[in-house]
């Protein structure tokens, strides 16, 4: 029985619709992997070589230090964190997941009442990327959670885009009451306190 011209159009349209559906789902998967840390450059660990930033996400937070708390020296300027050419003069994570500048026990991060606003209840670590929603260093937010940068670290986040940068929250193992907010665009991090 011969096919009519209308039947051929229906078959062609079904094939075209099926192909477009497959392409759409494939592109969503690729974009989701790129945006949320899948793959080597941004996925944490492996494959990263070069200056900090560029989307790289450390596979873990800093290891705890065994240092005794250090008093804050009077009149001290901020230390130089540029450990090699091309690296920023800010606390950052290098290509080996070393948290450059995280010494632990720094008196600048002492809080009389750690966790005064409670603990951050959201997930943390390299597989949880948050998009900043606004604010500034003293008070910023994402997903309904509010944080503030440690005043000592204000200068280290001068290049952050408070309404569009991605950040990853890590535990600070040495300074009670603080988390570390890492910016994968710049490769830098600052101490942040959960505000509620």
N, C-alpha and C. Protein backbone atom coordinates (compact mmCIF):
# COMPACT_ATOMS: atom_id res chain seq x y z
N UNK A 1 0.85 -1.16 0.00
CA UNK A 1 0.00 0.00 0.00
C UNK A 1 0.90 1.23 0.00
N UNK A 2 0.74 2.11 -0.98
CA UNK A 2 1.60 3.29 -1.08
C UNK A 2 1.31 4.28 0.05
N UNK A 3 2.41 4.99 0.49
CA UNK A 3 2.27 6.01 1.53
C UNK A 3 1.81 7.31 0.90
N UNK A 4 0.98 8.01 1.61
CA UNK A 4 0.54 9.31 1.11
C UNK A 4 1.56 10.36 1.50
N UNK A 5 1.48 11.47 0.85
CA UNK A 5 2.41 12.57 1.12
C UNK A 5 2.24 13.06 2.55
N UNK A 6 1.05 13.08 3.08
CA UNK A 6 0.79 13.52 4.46
C UNK A 6 1.44 12.59 5.47
N UNK A 7 1.45 11.29 5.19
CA UNK A 7 2.06 10.33 6.11
C UNK A 7 3.57 10.53 6.16
N UNK A 8 4.19 10.83 5.01
CA UNK A 8 5.64 11.10 4.97
C UNK A 8 6.00 12.33 5.79
N UNK A 9 5.20 13.34 5.73
CA UNK A 9 5.45 14.56 6.51
C UNK A 9 5.36 14.26 8.00
N UNK A 10 4.39 13.45 8.40
CA UNK A 10 4.23 13.09 9.81
C UNK A 10 5.47 12.33 10.30
N UNK A 11 5.97 11.39 9.50
CA UNK A 11 7.16 10.61 9.87
C UNK A 11 8.37 11.53 10.00
N UNK A 12 8.55 12.41 9.04
CA UNK A 12 9.68 13.35 9.07
C UNK A 12 9.57 14.27 10.30
N UNK A 13 8.40 14.76 10.59
CA UNK A 13 8.20 15.65 11.74
C UNK A 13 8.50 14.93 13.05
N UNK A 14 8.09 13.65 13.17
CA UNK A 14 8.36 12.87 14.38
C UNK A 14 9.86 12.67 14.56
N UNK A 15 10.57 12.36 13.47
CA UNK A 15 12.02 12.19 13.55
C UNK A 15 12.71 13.50 13.96
N UNK A 16 12.27 14.59 13.36
CA UNK A 16 12.84 15.90 13.68
C UNK A 16 12.59 16.27 15.13
N UNK A 17 11.38 16.06 15.62
CA UNK A 17 11.04 16.35 17.01
C UNK A 17 11.84 15.47 17.96
N UNK A 18 12.01 14.21 17.65
CA UNK A 18 12.81 13.30 18.48
C UNK A 18 14.27 13.73 18.55
N UNK A 19 14.83 14.11 17.40
CA UNK A 19 16.22 14.57 17.35
C UNK A 19 16.41 15.84 18.17
N UNK A 20 15.50 16.80 18.02
CA UNK A 20 15.59 18.04 18.78
C UNK A 20 15.46 17.79 20.29
N UNK A 21 14.61 16.88 20.69
CA UNK A 21 14.45 16.55 22.10
C UNK A 21 15.75 15.98 22.67
N UNK A 22 16.36 15.06 21.93
CA UNK A 22 17.63 14.47 22.39
C UNK A 22 18.71 15.54 22.50
N UNK A 23 18.81 16.43 21.53
CA UNK A 23 19.80 17.52 21.58
C UNK A 23 19.55 18.44 22.77
N UNK A 24 18.29 18.75 23.04
CA UNK A 24 17.98 19.64 24.15
C UNK A 24 18.39 19.02 25.48
N UNK A 25 18.07 17.75 25.69
CA UNK A 25 18.46 17.10 26.95
C UNK A 25 19.98 16.98 27.07
N UNK A 26 20.66 16.72 25.98
CA UNK A 26 22.12 16.61 26.01
C UNK A 26 22.76 17.94 26.38
N UNK A 27 22.27 19.03 25.82
CA UNK A 27 22.85 20.34 26.12
C UNK A 27 22.58 20.75 27.56
N UNK A 28 21.43 20.42 28.12
CA UNK A 28 21.14 20.72 29.51
C UNK A 28 22.11 19.98 30.42
N UNK A 29 22.39 18.73 30.13
CA UNK A 29 23.33 17.95 30.96
C UNK A 29 24.73 18.55 30.90
N UNK A 30 25.17 18.95 29.72
CA UNK A 30 26.50 19.55 29.58
C UNK A 30 26.57 20.87 30.33
N UNK A 31 25.56 21.72 30.19
CA UNK A 31 25.55 23.00 30.89
C UNK A 31 25.50 22.80 32.39
N UNK A 32 24.72 21.88 32.87
CA UNK A 32 24.64 21.62 34.31
C UNK A 32 25.98 21.17 34.85
N UNK A 33 26.68 20.33 34.12
CA UNK A 33 27.99 19.87 34.57
C UNK A 33 28.96 21.03 34.61
N UNK A 34 28.93 21.92 33.63
CA UNK A 34 29.82 23.06 33.59
C UNK A 34 29.52 24.03 34.73
N UNK A 35 28.26 24.31 34.98
CA UNK A 35 27.87 25.28 36.01
C UNK A 35 28.12 24.79 37.42
N UNK A 36 28.01 23.51 37.68
CA UNK A 36 28.02 23.05 39.06
C UNK A 36 29.15 22.11 39.40
N UNK A 37 30.30 22.28 38.79
CA UNK A 37 31.49 21.62 39.28
C UNK A 37 31.81 20.27 38.71
N UNK A 38 31.15 19.79 37.67
CA UNK A 38 31.55 18.53 37.08
C UNK A 38 32.70 18.74 36.13
N UNK A 39 33.51 17.75 35.93
CA UNK A 39 34.64 17.87 35.02
C UNK A 39 35.87 18.36 35.75
N UNK A 40 37.01 18.23 35.13
CA UNK A 40 38.27 18.48 35.81
C UNK A 40 38.52 19.92 36.20
N UNK A 41 38.46 20.95 35.29
CA UNK A 41 38.87 22.27 35.72
C UNK A 41 38.06 22.83 36.87
N UNK A 42 36.76 22.64 36.91
CA UNK A 42 35.96 23.21 37.98
C UNK A 42 35.45 22.20 38.95
N UNK A 43 35.69 20.95 38.76
CA UNK A 43 35.07 19.92 39.57
C UNK A 43 35.80 19.52 40.82
N UNK A 44 36.90 20.14 41.11
CA UNK A 44 37.63 19.80 42.31
C UNK A 44 38.64 18.71 42.05
N UNK A 45 39.89 19.08 42.08
CA UNK A 45 40.97 18.11 41.94
C UNK A 45 41.21 17.71 40.50
N UNK A 46 42.44 17.39 40.20
CA UNK A 46 42.81 16.84 38.91
C UNK A 46 42.71 17.82 37.75
N UNK A 47 43.71 17.85 36.93
CA UNK A 47 43.64 18.57 35.68
C UNK A 47 43.89 20.06 35.74
N UNK A 48 44.02 20.66 36.89
CA UNK A 48 44.18 22.10 36.97
C UNK A 48 45.66 22.45 37.03
N UNK A 49 46.09 23.34 36.16
CA UNK A 49 47.45 23.85 36.22
C UNK A 49 47.39 25.30 35.78
N UNK A 50 47.94 26.19 36.56
CA UNK A 50 47.95 27.59 36.20
C UNK A 50 47.60 28.45 37.39
N UNK A 51 47.35 29.74 37.14
CA UNK A 51 47.04 30.64 38.24
C UNK A 51 45.70 30.31 38.87
N UNK A 52 45.53 30.68 40.14
CA UNK A 52 44.24 30.43 40.80
C UNK A 52 43.08 31.08 40.05
N UNK A 53 41.91 30.53 40.25
CA UNK A 53 40.71 31.05 39.62
C UNK A 53 40.37 30.28 38.37
N UNK A 54 39.68 30.94 37.48
CA UNK A 54 39.30 30.31 36.23
C UNK A 54 38.28 29.19 36.38
N UNK A 55 37.56 29.17 37.52
CA UNK A 55 36.54 28.17 37.73
C UNK A 55 36.98 26.96 38.53
N UNK A 56 38.27 26.88 38.87
CA UNK A 56 38.76 25.74 39.64
C UNK A 56 38.12 25.69 41.03
N UNK A 57 37.72 24.50 41.46
CA UNK A 57 37.10 24.30 42.77
C UNK A 57 37.94 23.29 43.55
N UNK A 58 38.47 23.70 44.72
CA UNK A 58 39.28 22.76 45.52
C UNK A 58 38.45 21.56 45.96
N UNK A 59 39.08 20.39 45.99
CA UNK A 59 38.39 19.17 46.37
C UNK A 59 38.13 19.06 47.86
N UNK A 60 38.77 19.93 48.67
CA UNK A 60 38.59 19.90 50.13
C UNK A 60 38.99 21.25 50.71
N UNK A 61 38.57 21.47 51.94
CA UNK A 61 38.98 22.67 52.66
C UNK A 61 40.37 22.51 53.24
N UNK A 62 40.84 23.51 53.98
CA UNK A 62 42.18 23.42 54.56
C UNK A 62 42.25 22.39 55.68
N UNK A 63 43.42 21.83 55.86
CA UNK A 63 43.66 20.91 56.97
C UNK A 63 43.82 21.72 58.26
N UNK A 64 43.46 21.15 59.40
CA UNK A 64 43.65 21.87 60.66
C UNK A 64 45.14 22.07 60.96
N UNK A 65 45.44 23.21 61.58
CA UNK A 65 46.81 23.50 62.00
C UNK A 65 46.95 23.18 63.48
N UNK A 66 48.15 22.94 63.89
CA UNK A 66 48.43 22.66 65.30
C UNK A 66 49.00 23.88 66.01
N UNK A 67 48.93 25.04 65.37
CA UNK A 67 49.50 26.26 65.95
C UNK A 67 48.70 26.73 67.14
N UNK A 68 49.39 27.30 68.12
CA UNK A 68 48.72 27.98 69.22
C UNK A 68 48.21 29.31 68.69
N UNK A 69 47.08 29.82 69.21
CA UNK A 69 46.58 31.12 68.75
C UNK A 69 47.65 32.20 68.90
N UNK A 70 47.73 33.02 67.86
CA UNK A 70 48.71 34.11 67.84
C UNK A 70 48.04 35.44 68.13
N UNK A 71 48.65 36.28 68.97
CA UNK A 71 48.07 37.60 69.21
C UNK A 71 48.17 38.46 67.95
N UNK A 72 47.23 39.37 67.81
CA UNK A 72 47.25 40.27 66.66
C UNK A 72 48.30 41.36 66.91
N UNK A 73 49.35 41.42 66.09
CA UNK A 73 50.37 42.44 66.28
C UNK A 73 49.80 43.84 66.04
N UNK A 74 50.28 44.79 66.79
CA UNK A 74 49.83 46.18 66.62
C UNK A 74 50.47 46.78 65.38
N UNK A 75 49.68 47.52 64.64
CA UNK A 75 50.17 48.22 63.46
C UNK A 75 50.59 47.29 62.32
N UNK A 76 50.19 46.04 62.38
CA UNK A 76 50.58 45.08 61.35
C UNK A 76 49.82 45.35 60.05
N UNK A 77 50.54 45.30 58.97
CA UNK A 77 49.85 45.35 57.68
C UNK A 77 49.57 43.91 57.26
N UNK A 78 48.76 43.74 56.25
CA UNK A 78 48.43 42.39 55.78
C UNK A 78 49.67 41.74 55.16
N UNK A 79 49.84 40.45 55.34
CA UNK A 79 51.00 39.76 54.75
C UNK A 79 50.88 39.67 53.23
N UNK A 80 51.98 39.33 52.60
CA UNK A 80 52.02 39.14 51.16
C UNK A 80 51.72 37.66 50.87
N UNK A 81 50.66 37.40 50.12
CA UNK A 81 50.25 36.03 49.81
C UNK A 81 50.66 35.59 48.41
N UNK A 82 51.37 36.45 47.69
CA UNK A 82 51.77 36.10 46.33
C UNK A 82 52.94 35.11 46.42
N UNK A 83 52.61 33.83 46.40
CA UNK A 83 53.60 32.78 46.59
C UNK A 83 54.37 32.43 45.32
N UNK A 84 53.85 32.86 44.17
CA UNK A 84 54.56 32.66 42.91
C UNK A 84 53.96 33.60 41.86
N UNK A 85 54.70 33.86 40.78
CA UNK A 85 54.19 34.78 39.75
C UNK A 85 52.83 34.32 39.22
N UNK A 86 51.95 35.28 39.03
CA UNK A 86 50.62 35.00 38.52
C UNK A 86 49.60 34.70 39.60
N UNK A 87 50.04 34.54 40.83
CA UNK A 87 49.10 34.28 41.93
C UNK A 87 48.72 35.60 42.61
N UNK A 88 47.51 35.69 43.15
CA UNK A 88 47.05 36.96 43.75
C UNK A 88 47.71 37.21 45.11
N UNK A 89 47.73 38.47 45.50
CA UNK A 89 48.21 38.84 46.83
C UNK A 89 47.03 38.84 47.79
N UNK A 90 46.34 37.74 47.83
CA UNK A 90 45.18 37.49 48.69
C UNK A 90 45.21 36.02 49.07
N UNK A 91 44.56 35.65 50.16
CA UNK A 91 44.46 34.21 50.44
C UNK A 91 43.83 33.50 49.24
N UNK A 92 44.45 32.41 48.82
CA UNK A 92 43.98 31.70 47.63
C UNK A 92 44.31 30.22 47.74
N UNK A 93 43.77 29.45 46.79
CA UNK A 93 44.04 28.02 46.73
C UNK A 93 44.87 27.77 45.47
N UNK A 94 46.02 27.09 45.66
CA UNK A 94 46.88 26.84 44.50
C UNK A 94 46.49 25.56 43.77
N UNK A 95 47.25 25.22 42.74
CA UNK A 95 46.92 24.07 41.89
C UNK A 95 47.05 22.72 42.58
N UNK A 96 47.60 22.70 43.79
CA UNK A 96 47.73 21.46 44.56
C UNK A 96 46.74 21.41 45.72
N UNK A 97 45.73 22.25 45.68
CA UNK A 97 44.72 22.36 46.75
C UNK A 97 45.31 22.82 48.08
N UNK A 98 46.42 23.56 48.04
CA UNK A 98 46.97 24.18 49.25
C UNK A 98 46.27 25.50 49.48
N UNK A 99 45.79 25.72 50.69
CA UNK A 99 45.09 26.94 51.04
C UNK A 99 46.14 27.96 51.50
N UNK A 100 46.69 28.70 50.54
CA UNK A 100 47.74 29.67 50.81
C UNK A 100 47.17 30.79 51.68
N UNK A 101 47.81 31.03 52.82
CA UNK A 101 47.38 32.09 53.72
C UNK A 101 46.54 31.62 54.88
N UNK A 102 46.17 30.34 54.90
CA UNK A 102 45.37 29.84 56.03
C UNK A 102 46.31 29.25 57.07
N UNK A 103 46.60 30.04 58.10
CA UNK A 103 47.54 29.64 59.12
C UNK A 103 46.85 29.03 60.33
N UNK A 104 45.63 29.44 60.61
CA UNK A 104 44.91 28.93 61.77
C UNK A 104 45.33 29.66 63.04
N UNK A 105 44.36 29.90 63.91
CA UNK A 105 44.66 30.52 65.20
C UNK A 105 45.02 31.99 65.13
N UNK A 106 44.69 32.69 64.07
CA UNK A 106 44.99 34.11 63.93
C UNK A 106 44.05 34.91 64.82
N UNK A 107 44.60 35.76 65.67
CA UNK A 107 43.79 36.53 66.62
C UNK A 107 42.81 37.47 65.92
N UNK A 108 43.05 37.80 64.65
CA UNK A 108 42.11 38.66 63.92
C UNK A 108 40.75 37.97 63.74
N UNK A 109 40.71 36.66 63.88
CA UNK A 109 39.47 35.92 63.69
C UNK A 109 38.89 35.41 65.01
N UNK A 110 39.39 35.91 66.12
CA UNK A 110 38.83 35.50 67.41
C UNK A 110 37.44 36.11 67.59
N UNK A 111 36.49 35.28 68.02
CA UNK A 111 35.13 35.75 68.33
C UNK A 111 34.84 35.41 69.79
N UNK A 112 34.35 36.38 70.53
CA UNK A 112 33.97 36.13 71.92
C UNK A 112 32.79 35.16 72.00
N UNK A 113 31.91 35.22 71.01
CA UNK A 113 30.73 34.35 70.98
C UNK A 113 30.63 33.66 69.62
N UNK A 114 31.45 32.60 69.41
CA UNK A 114 31.36 31.90 68.13
C UNK A 114 29.96 31.33 67.93
N UNK A 115 29.53 31.30 66.70
CA UNK A 115 28.23 30.74 66.31
C UNK A 115 27.08 31.50 66.96
N UNK A 116 27.24 32.80 67.17
CA UNK A 116 26.20 33.61 67.82
C UNK A 116 24.87 33.54 67.07
N UNK A 117 24.91 33.32 65.78
CA UNK A 117 23.68 33.24 64.97
C UNK A 117 23.37 31.80 64.57
N UNK A 118 24.05 30.85 65.16
CA UNK A 118 23.85 29.44 64.82
C UNK A 118 24.80 28.99 63.74
N UNK A 119 24.69 27.73 63.38
CA UNK A 119 25.50 27.13 62.32
C UNK A 119 24.75 27.19 61.00
N UNK A 120 25.48 27.33 59.92
CA UNK A 120 24.89 27.29 58.58
C UNK A 120 24.33 25.89 58.34
N UNK A 121 23.04 25.81 58.02
CA UNK A 121 22.37 24.52 57.86
C UNK A 121 22.43 23.98 56.43
N UNK A 122 22.91 24.79 55.51
CA UNK A 122 22.99 24.33 54.12
C UNK A 122 24.18 23.42 53.90
N UNK A 123 24.19 22.71 52.78
CA UNK A 123 25.32 21.84 52.48
C UNK A 123 26.57 22.65 52.14
N UNK A 124 27.72 22.12 52.50
CA UNK A 124 28.98 22.81 52.21
C UNK A 124 29.93 21.86 51.47
N UNK A 125 30.97 22.42 50.93
CA UNK A 125 31.99 21.64 50.24
C UNK A 125 31.93 21.80 48.74
N UNK A 126 32.83 21.13 48.04
CA UNK A 126 33.03 21.38 46.61
C UNK A 126 31.86 21.05 45.70
N UNK A 127 30.93 20.23 46.14
CA UNK A 127 29.81 19.90 45.25
C UNK A 127 28.60 20.80 45.48
N UNK A 128 28.76 21.86 46.28
CA UNK A 128 27.65 22.77 46.58
C UNK A 128 28.07 24.20 46.24
N UNK A 129 27.65 24.64 45.06
CA UNK A 129 28.00 25.96 44.56
C UNK A 129 26.82 26.89 44.75
N UNK A 130 27.09 28.05 45.33
CA UNK A 130 26.04 29.05 45.58
C UNK A 130 26.32 30.29 44.73
N UNK A 131 25.26 30.91 44.21
CA UNK A 131 25.37 32.16 43.45
C UNK A 131 25.02 33.32 44.38
N UNK A 132 25.96 34.27 44.52
CA UNK A 132 25.70 35.43 45.37
C UNK A 132 24.50 36.20 44.84
N UNK A 133 23.66 36.68 45.77
CA UNK A 133 22.44 37.36 45.39
C UNK A 133 22.43 38.85 45.67
N UNK A 134 23.48 39.38 46.29
CA UNK A 134 23.54 40.80 46.57
C UNK A 134 24.21 41.09 47.89
N UNK A 135 24.31 42.38 48.18
CA UNK A 135 24.94 42.82 49.42
C UNK A 135 26.36 43.28 49.18
N UNK A 136 27.19 43.08 50.17
CA UNK A 136 28.59 43.47 50.12
C UNK A 136 29.34 42.72 51.21
N UNK A 137 30.58 43.08 51.45
CA UNK A 137 31.38 42.33 52.42
C UNK A 137 30.77 42.25 53.82
N UNK A 138 30.18 43.31 54.30
CA UNK A 138 29.67 43.28 55.67
C UNK A 138 28.40 42.44 55.82
N UNK A 139 27.65 42.26 54.72
CA UNK A 139 26.44 41.43 54.75
C UNK A 139 26.06 41.09 53.31
N UNK A 140 26.15 39.81 52.99
CA UNK A 140 25.77 39.34 51.66
C UNK A 140 24.86 38.13 51.82
N UNK A 141 24.22 37.73 50.72
CA UNK A 141 23.29 36.62 50.83
C UNK A 141 23.27 35.76 49.58
N UNK A 142 22.77 34.55 49.77
CA UNK A 142 22.45 33.63 48.69
C UNK A 142 21.41 32.65 49.24
N UNK A 143 20.46 32.29 48.42
CA UNK A 143 19.43 31.29 48.77
C UNK A 143 18.76 31.55 50.12
N UNK A 144 18.62 32.81 50.52
CA UNK A 144 17.96 33.14 51.78
C UNK A 144 18.88 33.06 53.00
N UNK A 145 20.16 32.76 52.83
CA UNK A 145 21.13 32.70 53.92
C UNK A 145 21.99 33.97 53.88
N UNK A 146 22.29 34.52 55.05
CA UNK A 146 23.08 35.74 55.15
C UNK A 146 24.41 35.46 55.84
N UNK A 147 25.47 36.08 55.33
CA UNK A 147 26.82 35.95 55.87
C UNK A 147 27.48 37.33 55.90
N UNK A 148 28.55 37.46 56.66
CA UNK A 148 29.37 38.65 56.66
C UNK A 148 30.83 38.26 56.61
N UNK A 149 31.63 39.00 55.86
CA UNK A 149 33.06 38.76 55.75
C UNK A 149 33.74 39.33 56.99
N UNK A 150 34.77 38.64 57.47
CA UNK A 150 35.57 39.15 58.60
C UNK A 150 36.14 40.51 58.21
N UNK A 151 36.01 41.52 59.07
CA UNK A 151 36.54 42.85 58.71
C UNK A 151 38.00 42.82 58.26
N UNK A 152 38.81 41.98 58.87
CA UNK A 152 40.23 41.87 58.49
C UNK A 152 40.39 41.42 57.03
N UNK A 153 39.39 40.73 56.48
CA UNK A 153 39.46 40.20 55.11
C UNK A 153 38.79 41.07 54.05
N UNK A 154 38.22 42.21 54.44
CA UNK A 154 37.49 43.04 53.47
C UNK A 154 38.30 43.32 52.20
N UNK A 155 39.56 43.64 52.34
CA UNK A 155 40.39 43.96 51.17
C UNK A 155 40.61 42.78 50.24
N UNK A 156 40.47 41.57 50.75
CA UNK A 156 40.71 40.37 49.94
C UNK A 156 39.55 40.04 49.01
N UNK A 157 38.40 40.66 49.23
CA UNK A 157 37.25 40.36 48.37
C UNK A 157 36.82 41.58 47.56
N UNK A 158 37.74 42.52 47.37
CA UNK A 158 37.42 43.76 46.64
C UNK A 158 36.97 43.48 45.20
N UNK A 159 37.44 42.41 44.59
CA UNK A 159 37.07 42.11 43.20
C UNK A 159 35.88 41.18 43.05
N UNK A 160 35.25 40.82 44.16
CA UNK A 160 34.10 39.91 44.09
C UNK A 160 32.89 40.64 43.53
N UNK A 161 32.10 39.94 42.75
CA UNK A 161 30.85 40.47 42.19
C UNK A 161 29.72 39.96 43.08
N UNK A 162 29.22 40.83 43.95
CA UNK A 162 28.30 40.44 45.03
C UNK A 162 26.92 40.03 44.54
N UNK A 163 26.61 40.30 43.29
CA UNK A 163 25.28 39.90 42.79
C UNK A 163 25.35 38.81 41.72
N UNK A 164 26.55 38.25 41.49
CA UNK A 164 26.62 37.23 40.44
C UNK A 164 27.72 36.19 40.58
N UNK A 165 28.71 36.40 41.44
CA UNK A 165 29.78 35.41 41.57
C UNK A 165 29.27 34.13 42.23
N UNK A 166 29.88 33.02 41.88
CA UNK A 166 29.64 31.76 42.57
C UNK A 166 30.60 31.68 43.74
N UNK A 167 30.16 31.05 44.84
CA UNK A 167 31.05 30.76 45.96
C UNK A 167 30.78 29.35 46.47
N UNK A 168 31.78 28.82 47.13
CA UNK A 168 31.66 27.52 47.79
C UNK A 168 32.02 27.76 49.25
N UNK A 169 31.22 27.22 50.15
CA UNK A 169 31.46 27.36 51.59
C UNK A 169 32.17 26.12 52.10
N UNK A 170 33.26 26.34 52.84
CA UNK A 170 34.02 25.26 53.48
C UNK A 170 34.08 25.54 54.98
N UNK A 171 34.22 24.49 55.79
CA UNK A 171 34.46 24.67 57.22
C UNK A 171 35.84 25.28 57.42
N UNK A 172 35.96 26.14 58.43
CA UNK A 172 37.27 26.60 58.88
C UNK A 172 37.63 25.75 60.09
N UNK A 173 38.60 24.86 59.97
CA UNK A 173 38.89 23.93 61.07
C UNK A 173 39.61 24.57 62.25
N UNK A 174 40.08 25.81 62.11
CA UNK A 174 40.92 26.41 63.14
C UNK A 174 40.32 27.62 63.85
N UNK A 175 39.38 28.28 63.22
CA UNK A 175 38.86 29.53 63.78
C UNK A 175 37.38 29.36 64.09
N UNK A 176 37.03 29.05 65.35
CA UNK A 176 35.63 28.80 65.71
C UNK A 176 34.71 29.98 65.37
N UNK A 177 33.58 29.66 64.76
CA UNK A 177 32.61 30.68 64.39
C UNK A 177 32.73 31.14 62.96
N UNK A 178 33.76 30.67 62.25
CA UNK A 178 34.00 31.12 60.88
C UNK A 178 33.90 29.96 59.89
N UNK A 179 33.48 30.32 58.68
CA UNK A 179 33.55 29.45 57.52
C UNK A 179 34.50 30.12 56.53
N UNK A 180 34.87 29.42 55.49
CA UNK A 180 35.67 30.00 54.41
C UNK A 180 34.83 30.02 53.15
N UNK A 181 34.68 31.20 52.56
CA UNK A 181 33.95 31.34 51.29
C UNK A 181 34.97 31.45 50.17
N UNK A 182 34.93 30.51 49.26
CA UNK A 182 35.89 30.45 48.15
C UNK A 182 35.21 30.90 46.86
N UNK A 183 35.89 31.78 46.13
CA UNK A 183 35.37 32.31 44.87
C UNK A 183 36.13 31.64 43.71
N UNK A 184 35.48 30.72 42.98
CA UNK A 184 36.20 30.00 41.92
C UNK A 184 36.59 30.87 40.72
N UNK A 185 35.91 31.99 40.52
CA UNK A 185 36.28 32.87 39.41
C UNK A 185 37.66 33.47 39.64
N UNK A 186 37.94 33.84 40.89
CA UNK A 186 39.22 34.48 41.23
C UNK A 186 40.21 33.54 41.91
N UNK A 187 39.71 32.45 42.48
CA UNK A 187 40.60 31.53 43.19
C UNK A 187 40.95 31.98 44.59
N UNK A 188 40.24 32.99 45.10
CA UNK A 188 40.53 33.54 46.42
C UNK A 188 39.45 33.14 47.43
N UNK A 189 39.77 33.29 48.71
CA UNK A 189 38.81 32.97 49.75
C UNK A 189 38.92 33.98 50.89
N UNK A 190 37.84 34.07 51.66
CA UNK A 190 37.80 34.94 52.84
C UNK A 190 37.09 34.20 53.97
N UNK A 191 37.32 34.67 55.19
CA UNK A 191 36.61 34.15 56.36
C UNK A 191 35.23 34.82 56.40
N UNK A 192 34.19 34.01 56.59
CA UNK A 192 32.84 34.53 56.68
C UNK A 192 32.13 33.95 57.90
N UNK A 193 31.24 34.76 58.46
CA UNK A 193 30.45 34.36 59.62
C UNK A 193 29.00 34.25 59.17
N UNK A 194 28.34 33.17 59.59
CA UNK A 194 26.93 32.98 59.29
C UNK A 194 26.11 33.96 60.13
N UNK A 195 25.21 34.70 59.49
CA UNK A 195 24.39 35.70 60.17
C UNK A 195 22.92 35.29 60.28
N UNK A 196 22.54 34.22 59.65
CA UNK A 196 21.16 33.75 59.76
C UNK A 196 20.46 33.68 58.42
